[in-house]
Amino acid sequence: MARFTRAELESFRDAEVPDLLPEDGTPLRLLFVGINPGLWTAAVQTHFARPGNRFYPALLEAGIIERPIDPSDGMTDADRDYFRARGIGITNIVRRATARADELSAEELREGGQRLVETVERTRPKVVAVAGVTAYRAAFSLRDAKIGPQPEELAGAELWVAPNPSGLNAHETVHSLAKAYAAAARAAGLI
């Protein structure tokens, strides 16, 4: 596993991680949306890559992916191709990397929400799953939004809000995350 000093990780502050999206006409069935890249994620250029993040174990338990993926050193090309072939994509509300999501301003989240709408209009996923209810509320000025399916679509896509898989979200487990992610994946026709 990659190892970084604090100074090395800090050097990735404000870096961006490219979206992971299907290519060659493969339909985008399910678009996962993180809040923003963490520093480790930016360092290895792979979404949800920090060791201890429960995103990929939850996807595996949910049956969304059928083999373990360890992104802590960065995804392999085979891993990326696997996601793309399944019609799974990953993006973020805010593109710039920070050590913690609470470093983002309300304005950044609102601007990121508008960029997300543009991404969804361009990529046309069947389902969008935002992993982080607090960020979703801020990005779209919806203070009362709850986890689960949302009453409104997002640029024509069915919209779900799911729990954030970060280790900082301590009351969630791999099992509870898997349950939430599986619901969105069923809506997308993936499982």
N, C-alpha and C. Protein backbone atom coordinates (compact mmCIF):
# COMPACT_ATOMS: atom_id res chain seq x y z
N MET A 1 0.84 -1.18 0.00
CA MET A 1 0.00 0.00 0.00
C MET A 1 0.89 1.24 0.00
N ALA A 2 0.45 2.23 -0.73
CA ALA A 2 1.18 3.50 -0.77
C ALA A 2 1.24 4.10 0.62
N ARG A 3 2.29 4.83 0.87
CA ARG A 3 2.45 5.55 2.14
C ARG A 3 2.83 6.99 1.79
N PHE A 4 2.22 7.92 2.50
CA PHE A 4 2.48 9.32 2.26
C PHE A 4 2.75 10.01 3.59
N THR A 5 3.67 10.94 3.59
CA THR A 5 3.85 11.79 4.76
C THR A 5 2.74 12.84 4.74
N ARG A 6 2.52 13.50 5.84
CA ARG A 6 1.52 14.57 5.90
C ARG A 6 1.86 15.65 4.88
N ALA A 7 3.15 15.98 4.76
CA ALA A 7 3.57 17.01 3.80
C ALA A 7 3.29 16.56 2.37
N GLU A 8 3.54 15.29 2.08
CA GLU A 8 3.25 14.79 0.73
C GLU A 8 1.75 14.88 0.44
N LEU A 9 0.92 14.47 1.39
CA LEU A 9 -0.52 14.57 1.18
C LEU A 9 -0.96 16.03 1.00
N GLU A 10 -0.40 16.92 1.82
CA GLU A 10 -0.76 18.34 1.71
C GLU A 10 -0.44 18.90 0.33
N SER A 11 0.55 18.34 -0.33
CA SER A 11 0.91 18.82 -1.67
C SER A 11 -0.20 18.57 -2.69
N PHE A 12 -1.17 17.71 -2.34
CA PHE A 12 -2.28 17.41 -3.25
C PHE A 12 -3.53 18.25 -2.95
N ARG A 13 -3.42 19.17 -1.98
CA ARG A 13 -4.54 20.05 -1.66
C ARG A 13 -4.93 20.82 -2.93
N ASP A 14 -6.19 20.89 -3.21
CA ASP A 14 -6.79 21.58 -4.36
C ASP A 14 -6.61 20.84 -5.69
N ALA A 15 -5.95 19.67 -5.69
CA ALA A 15 -5.85 18.87 -6.92
C ALA A 15 -7.23 18.31 -7.27
N GLU A 16 -7.39 17.91 -8.50
CA GLU A 16 -8.65 17.32 -8.95
C GLU A 16 -8.43 15.87 -9.35
N VAL A 17 -9.50 15.09 -9.29
CA VAL A 17 -9.49 13.69 -9.70
C VAL A 17 -10.50 13.57 -10.84
N PRO A 18 -10.09 13.02 -11.96
CA PRO A 18 -11.04 12.94 -13.08
C PRO A 18 -12.24 12.04 -12.75
N ASP A 19 -13.38 12.39 -13.33
CA ASP A 19 -14.55 11.54 -13.19
C ASP A 19 -14.26 10.17 -13.79
N LEU A 20 -14.85 9.15 -13.20
CA LEU A 20 -14.81 7.80 -13.76
C LEU A 20 -16.16 7.59 -14.42
N LEU A 21 -16.17 7.53 -15.75
CA LEU A 21 -17.41 7.42 -16.51
C LEU A 21 -17.26 6.39 -17.61
N PRO A 22 -18.36 5.70 -17.97
CA PRO A 22 -18.30 4.76 -19.08
C PRO A 22 -17.87 5.44 -20.37
N GLU A 23 -17.27 4.65 -21.23
CA GLU A 23 -16.81 5.15 -22.53
C GLU A 23 -17.43 4.30 -23.63
N ASP A 24 -17.17 4.68 -24.86
CA ASP A 24 -17.56 3.90 -26.03
C ASP A 24 -19.05 3.60 -26.09
N GLY A 25 -19.87 4.55 -25.64
CA GLY A 25 -21.31 4.39 -25.76
C GLY A 25 -21.96 3.50 -24.71
N THR A 26 -21.20 2.97 -23.76
CA THR A 26 -21.82 2.19 -22.68
C THR A 26 -22.71 3.11 -21.87
N PRO A 27 -23.98 2.74 -21.66
CA PRO A 27 -24.87 3.62 -20.91
C PRO A 27 -24.43 3.74 -19.45
N LEU A 28 -24.56 4.92 -18.91
CA LEU A 28 -24.30 5.17 -17.50
C LEU A 28 -25.57 4.84 -16.73
N ARG A 29 -25.52 3.79 -15.95
CA ARG A 29 -26.71 3.35 -15.22
C ARG A 29 -26.77 3.97 -13.83
N LEU A 30 -25.62 4.05 -13.15
CA LEU A 30 -25.59 4.54 -11.78
C LEU A 30 -24.38 5.45 -11.59
N LEU A 31 -24.63 6.69 -11.25
CA LEU A 31 -23.57 7.66 -11.00
C LEU A 31 -23.50 7.93 -9.51
N PHE A 32 -22.41 7.49 -8.88
CA PHE A 32 -22.15 7.81 -7.48
C PHE A 32 -21.50 9.18 -7.42
N VAL A 33 -21.90 9.98 -6.43
CA VAL A 33 -21.39 11.33 -6.29
C VAL A 33 -20.84 11.50 -4.87
N GLY A 34 -19.53 11.69 -4.78
CA GLY A 34 -18.92 11.99 -3.50
C GLY A 34 -19.02 13.48 -3.22
N ILE A 35 -18.59 13.86 -2.03
CA ILE A 35 -18.61 15.28 -1.67
C ILE A 35 -17.48 15.99 -2.39
N ASN A 36 -16.25 15.56 -2.13
CA ASN A 36 -15.06 16.08 -2.83
C ASN A 36 -13.92 15.11 -2.57
N PRO A 37 -12.87 15.15 -3.38
CA PRO A 37 -11.76 14.23 -3.16
C PRO A 37 -11.01 14.58 -1.88
N GLY A 38 -10.61 13.55 -1.17
CA GLY A 38 -9.68 13.73 -0.07
C GLY A 38 -8.27 13.81 -0.61
N LEU A 39 -7.33 14.11 0.24
CA LEU A 39 -5.94 14.25 -0.20
C LEU A 39 -5.36 12.93 -0.69
N TRP A 40 -5.68 11.81 -0.03
CA TRP A 40 -5.19 10.50 -0.48
C TRP A 40 -5.77 10.17 -1.85
N THR A 41 -7.06 10.43 -2.00
CA THR A 41 -7.73 10.21 -3.28
C THR A 41 -7.03 10.99 -4.39
N ALA A 42 -6.69 12.24 -4.11
CA ALA A 42 -6.00 13.05 -5.11
C ALA A 42 -4.60 12.49 -5.39
N ALA A 43 -3.94 12.01 -4.36
CA ALA A 43 -2.58 11.48 -4.53
C ALA A 43 -2.56 10.26 -5.44
N VAL A 44 -3.56 9.38 -5.32
CA VAL A 44 -3.57 8.15 -6.14
C VAL A 44 -4.54 8.24 -7.31
N GLN A 45 -5.23 9.40 -7.44
CA GLN A 45 -6.13 9.66 -8.57
C GLN A 45 -7.23 8.60 -8.70
N THR A 46 -7.80 8.23 -7.54
CA THR A 46 -8.88 7.24 -7.50
C THR A 46 -9.89 7.66 -6.43
N HIS A 47 -11.15 7.73 -6.80
CA HIS A 47 -12.21 8.13 -5.87
C HIS A 47 -12.31 7.17 -4.69
N PHE A 48 -12.61 7.73 -3.51
CA PHE A 48 -12.84 6.97 -2.28
C PHE A 48 -11.67 6.05 -1.95
N ALA A 49 -10.44 6.50 -2.18
CA ALA A 49 -9.27 5.63 -2.07
C ALA A 49 -8.63 5.55 -0.69
N ARG A 50 -8.94 6.47 0.19
CA ARG A 50 -8.26 6.47 1.49
C ARG A 50 -8.45 5.14 2.20
N PRO A 51 -7.38 4.56 2.72
CA PRO A 51 -7.53 3.32 3.48
C PRO A 51 -8.53 3.53 4.62
N GLY A 52 -9.42 2.59 4.78
CA GLY A 52 -10.46 2.70 5.79
C GLY A 52 -11.78 3.22 5.25
N ASN A 53 -11.78 3.82 4.04
CA ASN A 53 -13.03 4.25 3.45
C ASN A 53 -13.83 2.98 3.11
N ARG A 54 -15.10 3.01 3.38
CA ARG A 54 -15.93 1.80 3.26
C ARG A 54 -16.71 1.70 1.95
N PHE A 55 -16.42 2.57 1.00
CA PHE A 55 -17.18 2.60 -0.25
C PHE A 55 -17.09 1.27 -1.01
N TYR A 56 -15.89 0.82 -1.33
CA TYR A 56 -15.75 -0.39 -2.14
C TYR A 56 -16.18 -1.65 -1.39
N PRO A 57 -15.86 -1.81 -0.08
CA PRO A 57 -16.41 -2.96 0.64
C PRO A 57 -17.95 -2.96 0.66
N ALA A 58 -18.57 -1.78 0.76
CA ALA A 58 -20.03 -1.70 0.73
C ALA A 58 -20.58 -2.07 -0.64
N LEU A 59 -19.91 -1.64 -1.71
CA LEU A 59 -20.35 -2.02 -3.06
C LEU A 59 -20.29 -3.53 -3.23
N LEU A 60 -19.23 -4.15 -2.71
CA LEU A 60 -19.08 -5.60 -2.81
C LEU A 60 -20.19 -6.31 -2.02
N GLU A 61 -20.41 -5.90 -0.78
CA GLU A 61 -21.46 -6.54 0.02
C GLU A 61 -22.83 -6.35 -0.61
N ALA A 62 -23.05 -5.21 -1.24
CA ALA A 62 -24.34 -4.93 -1.88
C ALA A 62 -24.56 -5.74 -3.15
N GLY A 63 -23.50 -6.30 -3.72
CA GLY A 63 -23.61 -7.02 -4.98
C GLY A 63 -23.51 -6.12 -6.19
N ILE A 64 -23.10 -4.88 -5.99
CA ILE A 64 -22.95 -3.93 -7.10
C ILE A 64 -21.69 -4.28 -7.89
N ILE A 65 -20.65 -4.68 -7.18
CA ILE A 65 -19.46 -5.24 -7.82
C ILE A 65 -19.32 -6.67 -7.32
N GLU A 66 -18.64 -7.50 -8.10
CA GLU A 66 -18.58 -8.93 -7.79
C GLU A 66 -17.21 -9.39 -7.37
N ARG A 67 -16.27 -8.45 -7.24
CA ARG A 67 -14.93 -8.80 -6.79
C ARG A 67 -14.38 -7.65 -5.98
N PRO A 68 -13.52 -7.97 -5.01
CA PRO A 68 -12.96 -6.89 -4.18
C PRO A 68 -12.10 -5.93 -5.01
N ILE A 69 -12.15 -4.68 -4.63
CA ILE A 69 -11.29 -3.66 -5.24
C ILE A 69 -10.62 -2.92 -4.09
N ASP A 70 -9.29 -2.87 -4.13
CA ASP A 70 -8.53 -2.11 -3.13
C ASP A 70 -7.93 -0.91 -3.84
N PRO A 71 -8.53 0.27 -3.65
CA PRO A 71 -8.09 1.44 -4.39
C PRO A 71 -6.99 2.24 -3.70
N SER A 72 -6.48 1.77 -2.57
CA SER A 72 -5.57 2.59 -1.77
C SER A 72 -4.29 2.97 -2.51
N ASP A 73 -3.89 2.17 -3.50
CA ASP A 73 -2.75 2.52 -4.35
C ASP A 73 -3.21 3.10 -5.69
N GLY A 74 -4.50 3.29 -5.84
CA GLY A 74 -5.07 3.74 -7.11
C GLY A 74 -5.69 2.55 -7.83
N MET A 75 -6.74 2.79 -8.55
CA MET A 75 -7.39 1.73 -9.32
C MET A 75 -6.49 1.30 -10.47
N THR A 76 -6.56 0.04 -10.79
CA THR A 76 -5.88 -0.45 -11.98
C THR A 76 -6.75 -0.11 -13.20
N ASP A 77 -6.16 -0.18 -14.37
CA ASP A 77 -6.96 0.03 -15.59
C ASP A 77 -8.06 -1.02 -15.68
N ALA A 78 -7.77 -2.25 -15.24
CA ALA A 78 -8.79 -3.32 -15.25
C ALA A 78 -9.95 -2.97 -14.33
N ASP A 79 -9.65 -2.39 -13.16
CA ASP A 79 -10.72 -1.97 -12.25
C ASP A 79 -11.58 -0.88 -12.88
N ARG A 80 -10.94 0.10 -13.50
CA ARG A 80 -11.70 1.18 -14.14
C ARG A 80 -12.57 0.62 -15.27
N ASP A 81 -11.99 -0.26 -16.07
CA ASP A 81 -12.76 -0.87 -17.17
C ASP A 81 -13.94 -1.66 -16.64
N TYR A 82 -13.75 -2.34 -15.51
CA TYR A 82 -14.82 -3.12 -14.89
C TYR A 82 -15.98 -2.20 -14.50
N PHE A 83 -15.69 -1.08 -13.85
CA PHE A 83 -16.73 -0.13 -13.48
C PHE A 83 -17.44 0.40 -14.72
N ARG A 84 -16.66 0.81 -15.71
CA ARG A 84 -17.25 1.37 -16.93
C ARG A 84 -18.15 0.36 -17.63
N ALA A 85 -17.70 -0.89 -17.73
CA ALA A 85 -18.48 -1.92 -18.41
C ALA A 85 -19.79 -2.21 -17.67
N ARG A 86 -19.80 -2.04 -16.36
CA ARG A 86 -21.02 -2.25 -15.56
C ARG A 86 -21.95 -1.04 -15.63
N GLY A 87 -21.50 0.07 -16.22
CA GLY A 87 -22.33 1.26 -16.30
C GLY A 87 -22.33 2.06 -15.02
N ILE A 88 -21.24 1.96 -14.25
CA ILE A 88 -21.11 2.68 -12.99
C ILE A 88 -20.12 3.83 -13.17
N GLY A 89 -20.48 4.99 -12.68
CA GLY A 89 -19.61 6.15 -12.73
C GLY A 89 -19.43 6.75 -11.35
N ILE A 90 -18.38 7.56 -11.20
CA ILE A 90 -18.11 8.27 -9.95
C ILE A 90 -17.67 9.69 -10.27
N THR A 91 -18.25 10.64 -9.56
CA THR A 91 -17.87 12.04 -9.66
C THR A 91 -17.96 12.65 -8.27
N ASN A 92 -17.79 13.95 -8.17
CA ASN A 92 -17.89 14.66 -6.90
C ASN A 92 -18.69 15.94 -7.07
N ILE A 93 -19.27 16.42 -5.97
CA ILE A 93 -19.95 17.71 -6.00
C ILE A 93 -18.92 18.81 -6.21
N VAL A 94 -17.87 18.80 -5.40
CA VAL A 94 -16.79 19.78 -5.52
C VAL A 94 -15.56 19.05 -6.02
N ARG A 95 -14.88 19.62 -6.96
CA ARG A 95 -13.75 18.94 -7.59
C ARG A 95 -12.45 19.02 -6.81
N ARG A 96 -12.24 20.06 -6.01
CA ARG A 96 -10.93 20.25 -5.38
C ARG A 96 -10.76 19.40 -4.14
N ALA A 97 -9.55 18.90 -3.97
CA ALA A 97 -9.22 18.03 -2.84
C ALA A 97 -8.96 18.85 -1.58
N THR A 98 -9.46 18.33 -0.46
CA THR A 98 -9.20 18.90 0.85
C THR A 98 -8.95 17.74 1.82
N ALA A 99 -8.42 18.07 2.99
CA ALA A 99 -8.22 17.04 4.01
C ALA A 99 -9.56 16.56 4.56
N ARG A 100 -10.52 17.46 4.67
CA ARG A 100 -11.85 17.13 5.20
C ARG A 100 -12.91 17.91 4.43
N ALA A 101 -14.07 17.29 4.28
CA ALA A 101 -15.16 17.95 3.54
C ALA A 101 -15.64 19.21 4.24
N ASP A 102 -15.46 19.31 5.56
CA ASP A 102 -15.94 20.51 6.24
C ASP A 102 -15.08 21.74 5.94
N GLU A 103 -14.03 21.58 5.14
CA GLU A 103 -13.23 22.72 4.68
C GLU A 103 -13.88 23.43 3.49
N LEU A 104 -14.93 22.86 2.95
CA LEU A 104 -15.60 23.45 1.79
C LEU A 104 -16.58 24.51 2.25
N SER A 105 -16.71 25.57 1.45
CA SER A 105 -17.66 26.62 1.78
C SER A 105 -19.04 26.27 1.21
N ALA A 106 -20.06 26.91 1.76
CA ALA A 106 -21.42 26.73 1.25
C ALA A 106 -21.49 27.14 -0.22
N GLU A 107 -20.77 28.20 -0.57
CA GLU A 107 -20.77 28.66 -1.96
C GLU A 107 -20.16 27.60 -2.89
N GLU A 108 -19.05 26.99 -2.46
CA GLU A 108 -18.43 25.93 -3.27
C GLU A 108 -19.41 24.77 -3.48
N LEU A 109 -20.12 24.40 -2.43
CA LEU A 109 -21.08 23.30 -2.55
C LEU A 109 -22.22 23.67 -3.49
N ARG A 110 -22.73 24.90 -3.41
CA ARG A 110 -23.79 25.32 -4.33
C ARG A 110 -23.30 25.34 -5.78
N GLU A 111 -22.09 25.87 -6.00
CA GLU A 111 -21.52 25.87 -7.36
C GLU A 111 -21.30 24.44 -7.83
N GLY A 112 -20.86 23.58 -6.94
CA GLY A 112 -20.66 22.17 -7.28
C GLY A 112 -21.97 21.49 -7.63
N GLY A 113 -23.04 21.87 -6.94
CA GLY A 113 -24.35 21.32 -7.27
C GLY A 113 -24.76 21.68 -8.69
N GLN A 114 -24.47 22.91 -9.10
CA GLN A 114 -24.79 23.31 -10.48
C GLN A 114 -23.93 22.53 -11.48
N ARG A 115 -22.65 22.33 -11.16
CA ARG A 115 -21.79 21.53 -12.04
C ARG A 115 -22.30 20.09 -12.13
N LEU A 116 -22.79 19.57 -10.99
CA LEU A 116 -23.33 18.20 -11.00
C LEU A 116 -24.54 18.12 -11.93
N VAL A 117 -25.41 19.11 -11.89
CA VAL A 117 -26.56 19.13 -12.80
C VAL A 117 -26.05 19.07 -14.25
N GLU A 118 -25.04 19.86 -14.57
CA GLU A 118 -24.48 19.87 -15.93
C GLU A 118 -23.88 18.51 -16.29
N THR A 119 -23.20 17.87 -15.35
CA THR A 119 -22.62 16.53 -15.59
C THR A 119 -23.73 15.53 -15.86
N VAL A 120 -24.80 15.58 -15.08
CA VAL A 120 -25.91 14.65 -15.26
C VAL A 120 -26.61 14.91 -16.60
N GLU A 121 -26.78 16.16 -16.97
CA GLU A 121 -27.37 16.47 -18.29
C GLU A 121 -26.52 15.90 -19.41
N ARG A 122 -25.20 15.97 -19.26
CA ARG A 122 -24.28 15.51 -20.30
C ARG A 122 -24.18 13.99 -20.35
N THR A 123 -24.15 13.33 -19.19
CA THR A 123 -23.88 11.88 -19.14
C THR A 123 -25.14 11.03 -19.09
N ARG A 124 -26.26 11.60 -18.70
CA ARG A 124 -27.58 10.97 -18.71
C ARG A 124 -27.64 9.63 -17.97
N PRO A 125 -27.23 9.59 -16.70
CA PRO A 125 -27.36 8.34 -15.95
C PRO A 125 -28.82 8.03 -15.65
N LYS A 126 -29.11 6.77 -15.43
CA LYS A 126 -30.47 6.39 -15.02
C LYS A 126 -30.71 6.83 -13.58
N VAL A 127 -29.72 6.60 -12.70
CA VAL A 127 -29.84 6.93 -11.28
C VAL A 127 -28.59 7.68 -10.83
N VAL A 128 -28.79 8.68 -10.00
CA VAL A 128 -27.70 9.41 -9.34
C VAL A 128 -27.81 9.12 -7.84
N ALA A 129 -26.70 8.72 -7.22
CA ALA A 129 -26.66 8.47 -5.78
C ALA A 129 -25.62 9.38 -5.15
N VAL A 130 -26.07 10.39 -4.42
CA VAL A 130 -25.17 11.33 -3.75
C VAL A 130 -24.82 10.75 -2.39
N ALA A 131 -23.54 10.54 -2.14
CA ALA A 131 -23.07 9.94 -0.88
C ALA A 131 -22.72 11.03 0.12
N GLY A 132 -23.74 11.52 0.80
CA GLY A 132 -23.52 12.57 1.80
C GLY A 132 -24.71 13.51 1.88
N VAL A 133 -25.59 13.29 2.85
CA VAL A 133 -26.82 14.08 2.93
C VAL A 133 -26.54 15.53 3.30
N THR A 134 -25.58 15.80 4.15
CA THR A 134 -25.31 17.18 4.55
C THR A 134 -24.81 18.00 3.37
N ALA A 135 -23.90 17.43 2.60
CA ALA A 135 -23.40 18.12 1.41
C ALA A 135 -24.51 18.30 0.37
N TYR A 136 -25.34 17.27 0.20
CA TYR A 136 -26.46 17.38 -0.74
C TYR A 136 -27.38 18.53 -0.33
N ARG A 137 -27.71 18.60 0.96
CA ARG A 137 -28.57 19.68 1.44
C ARG A 137 -27.97 21.04 1.11
N ALA A 138 -26.67 21.20 1.35
CA ALA A 138 -26.01 22.48 1.10
C ALA A 138 -25.93 22.78 -0.40
N ALA A 139 -25.62 21.77 -1.21
CA ALA A 139 -25.44 21.98 -2.64
C ALA A 139 -26.73 22.41 -3.32
N PHE A 140 -27.87 21.92 -2.81
CA PHE A 140 -29.13 22.19 -3.48
C PHE A 140 -30.12 22.98 -2.61
N SER A 141 -29.63 23.54 -1.50
CA SER A 141 -30.46 24.35 -0.60
C SER A 141 -31.74 23.62 -0.20
N LEU A 142 -31.58 22.37 0.19
CA LEU A 142 -32.70 21.53 0.61
C LEU A 142 -32.45 21.07 2.04
N ARG A 143 -32.73 21.93 3.00
CA ARG A 143 -32.39 21.66 4.40
C ARG A 143 -33.04 20.42 4.97
N ASP A 144 -34.19 20.02 4.44
CA ASP A 144 -34.92 18.90 5.02
C ASP A 144 -34.72 17.57 4.28
N ALA A 145 -33.82 17.53 3.31
CA ALA A 145 -33.59 16.28 2.55
C ALA A 145 -33.15 15.18 3.50
N LYS A 146 -33.59 13.97 3.19
CA LYS A 146 -33.27 12.80 3.99
C LYS A 146 -32.60 11.74 3.11
N ILE A 147 -31.97 10.80 3.76
CA ILE A 147 -31.37 9.65 3.06
C ILE A 147 -32.49 8.88 2.36
N GLY A 148 -32.20 8.39 1.16
CA GLY A 148 -33.16 7.57 0.42
C GLY A 148 -33.53 8.22 -0.90
N PRO A 149 -34.57 7.69 -1.55
CA PRO A 149 -35.00 8.27 -2.83
C PRO A 149 -35.56 9.67 -2.59
N GLN A 150 -35.29 10.55 -3.53
CA GLN A 150 -35.74 11.93 -3.42
C GLN A 150 -37.00 12.13 -4.27
N PRO A 151 -37.86 13.05 -3.87
CA PRO A 151 -39.10 13.24 -4.62
C PRO A 151 -38.89 13.86 -6.00
N GLU A 152 -37.77 14.54 -6.18
CA GLU A 152 -37.51 15.19 -7.46
C GLU A 152 -36.37 14.46 -8.19
N GLU A 153 -36.39 14.56 -9.50
CA GLU A 153 -35.28 14.04 -10.30
C GLU A 153 -34.16 15.07 -10.33
N LEU A 154 -33.01 14.64 -10.78
CA LEU A 154 -31.89 15.55 -11.01
C LEU A 154 -31.58 15.51 -12.49
N ALA A 155 -31.96 16.53 -13.21
CA ALA A 155 -31.71 16.64 -14.65
C ALA A 155 -32.15 15.38 -15.39
N GLY A 156 -33.32 14.84 -15.00
CA GLY A 156 -33.88 13.68 -15.68
C GLY A 156 -33.48 12.34 -15.10
N ALA A 157 -32.61 12.31 -14.10
CA ALA A 157 -32.17 11.05 -13.49
C ALA A 157 -32.90 10.85 -12.16
N GLU A 158 -33.24 9.60 -11.87
CA GLU A 158 -33.77 9.28 -10.55
C GLU A 158 -32.69 9.62 -9.53
N LEU A 159 -33.08 10.24 -8.42
CA LEU A 159 -32.12 10.76 -7.46
C LEU A 159 -32.27 10.09 -6.11
N TRP A 160 -31.13 9.61 -5.59
CA TRP A 160 -31.07 9.01 -4.27
C TRP A 160 -29.99 9.75 -3.48
N VAL A 161 -30.20 9.87 -2.18
CA VAL A 161 -29.17 10.35 -1.28
C VAL A 161 -28.81 9.19 -0.37
N ALA A 162 -27.52 8.91 -0.26
CA ALA A 162 -27.02 7.78 0.51
C ALA A 162 -26.03 8.28 1.56
N PRO A 163 -25.74 7.47 2.55
CA PRO A 163 -24.75 7.88 3.55
C PRO A 163 -23.34 7.99 2.97
N ASN A 164 -22.57 8.87 3.55
CA ASN A 164 -21.17 9.04 3.16
C ASN A 164 -20.35 7.88 3.73
N PRO A 165 -19.47 7.26 2.92
CA PRO A 165 -18.71 6.11 3.39
C PRO A 165 -17.44 6.45 4.18
N SER A 166 -17.16 7.71 4.38
CA SER A 166 -15.96 8.11 5.10
C SER A 166 -15.96 7.51 6.50
N GLY A 167 -14.78 7.19 6.99
CA GLY A 167 -14.64 6.72 8.35
C GLY A 167 -15.07 7.75 9.38
N LEU A 168 -15.14 9.03 8.98
CA LEU A 168 -15.62 10.06 9.89
C LEU A 168 -17.12 9.95 10.16
N ASN A 169 -17.81 9.23 9.30
CA ASN A 169 -19.25 8.99 9.46
C ASN A 169 -19.40 7.70 10.27
N ALA A 170 -19.02 7.75 11.53
CA ALA A 170 -18.81 6.56 12.36
C ALA A 170 -20.07 5.76 12.63
N HIS A 171 -21.25 6.35 12.58
CA HIS A 171 -22.45 5.58 12.90
C HIS A 171 -22.89 4.66 11.76
N GLU A 172 -22.30 4.82 10.59
CA GLU A 172 -22.59 3.92 9.47
C GLU A 172 -21.60 2.76 9.47
N THR A 173 -22.05 1.60 9.01
CA THR A 173 -21.20 0.42 8.89
C THR A 173 -21.16 0.00 7.43
N VAL A 174 -20.27 -0.92 7.09
CA VAL A 174 -20.26 -1.45 5.72
C VAL A 174 -21.63 -2.02 5.40
N HIS A 175 -22.23 -2.70 6.35
CA HIS A 175 -23.55 -3.31 6.12
C HIS A 175 -24.63 -2.25 5.86
N SER A 176 -24.68 -1.19 6.67
CA SER A 176 -25.71 -0.17 6.46
C SER A 176 -25.47 0.61 5.16
N LEU A 177 -24.19 0.84 4.84
CA LEU A 177 -23.88 1.48 3.56
C LEU A 177 -24.29 0.59 2.39
N ALA A 178 -23.99 -0.70 2.50
CA ALA A 178 -24.34 -1.65 1.43
C ALA A 178 -25.85 -1.65 1.19
N LYS A 179 -26.62 -1.61 2.25
CA LYS A 179 -28.07 -1.60 2.12
C LYS A 179 -28.54 -0.35 1.36
N ALA A 180 -27.99 0.80 1.71
CA ALA A 180 -28.38 2.05 1.04
C ALA A 180 -27.93 2.06 -0.42
N TYR A 181 -26.71 1.62 -0.69
CA TYR A 181 -26.21 1.62 -2.06
C TYR A 181 -26.95 0.60 -2.92
N ALA A 182 -27.32 -0.54 -2.32
CA ALA A 182 -28.06 -1.57 -3.07
C ALA A 182 -29.42 -1.05 -3.52
N ALA A 183 -30.07 -0.25 -2.69
CA ALA A 183 -31.38 0.30 -3.07
C ALA A 183 -31.25 1.15 -4.33
N ALA A 184 -30.25 2.02 -4.37
CA ALA A 184 -30.03 2.84 -5.57
C ALA A 184 -29.64 1.98 -6.77
N ALA A 185 -28.83 0.96 -6.53
CA ALA A 185 -28.40 0.07 -7.62
C ALA A 185 -29.57 -0.73 -8.18
N ARG A 186 -30.50 -1.14 -7.32
CA ARG A 186 -31.69 -1.84 -7.82
C ARG A 186 -32.52 -0.91 -8.71
N ALA A 187 -32.65 0.34 -8.29
CA ALA A 187 -33.38 1.32 -9.09
C ALA A 187 -32.72 1.52 -10.46
N ALA A 188 -31.39 1.37 -10.50
CA ALA A 188 -30.63 1.53 -11.74
C ALA A 188 -30.61 0.26 -12.59
N GLY A 189 -31.14 -0.85 -12.05
CA GLY A 189 -31.15 -2.12 -12.77
C GLY A 189 -29.81 -2.84 -12.73
N LEU A 190 -28.95 -2.50 -11.77
CA LEU A 190 -27.64 -3.16 -11.67
C LEU A 190 -27.70 -4.45 -10.88
N ILE A 191 -28.62 -4.53 -9.94
CA ILE A 191 -28.76 -5.77 -9.14
C ILE A 191 -30.23 -6.15 -9.04
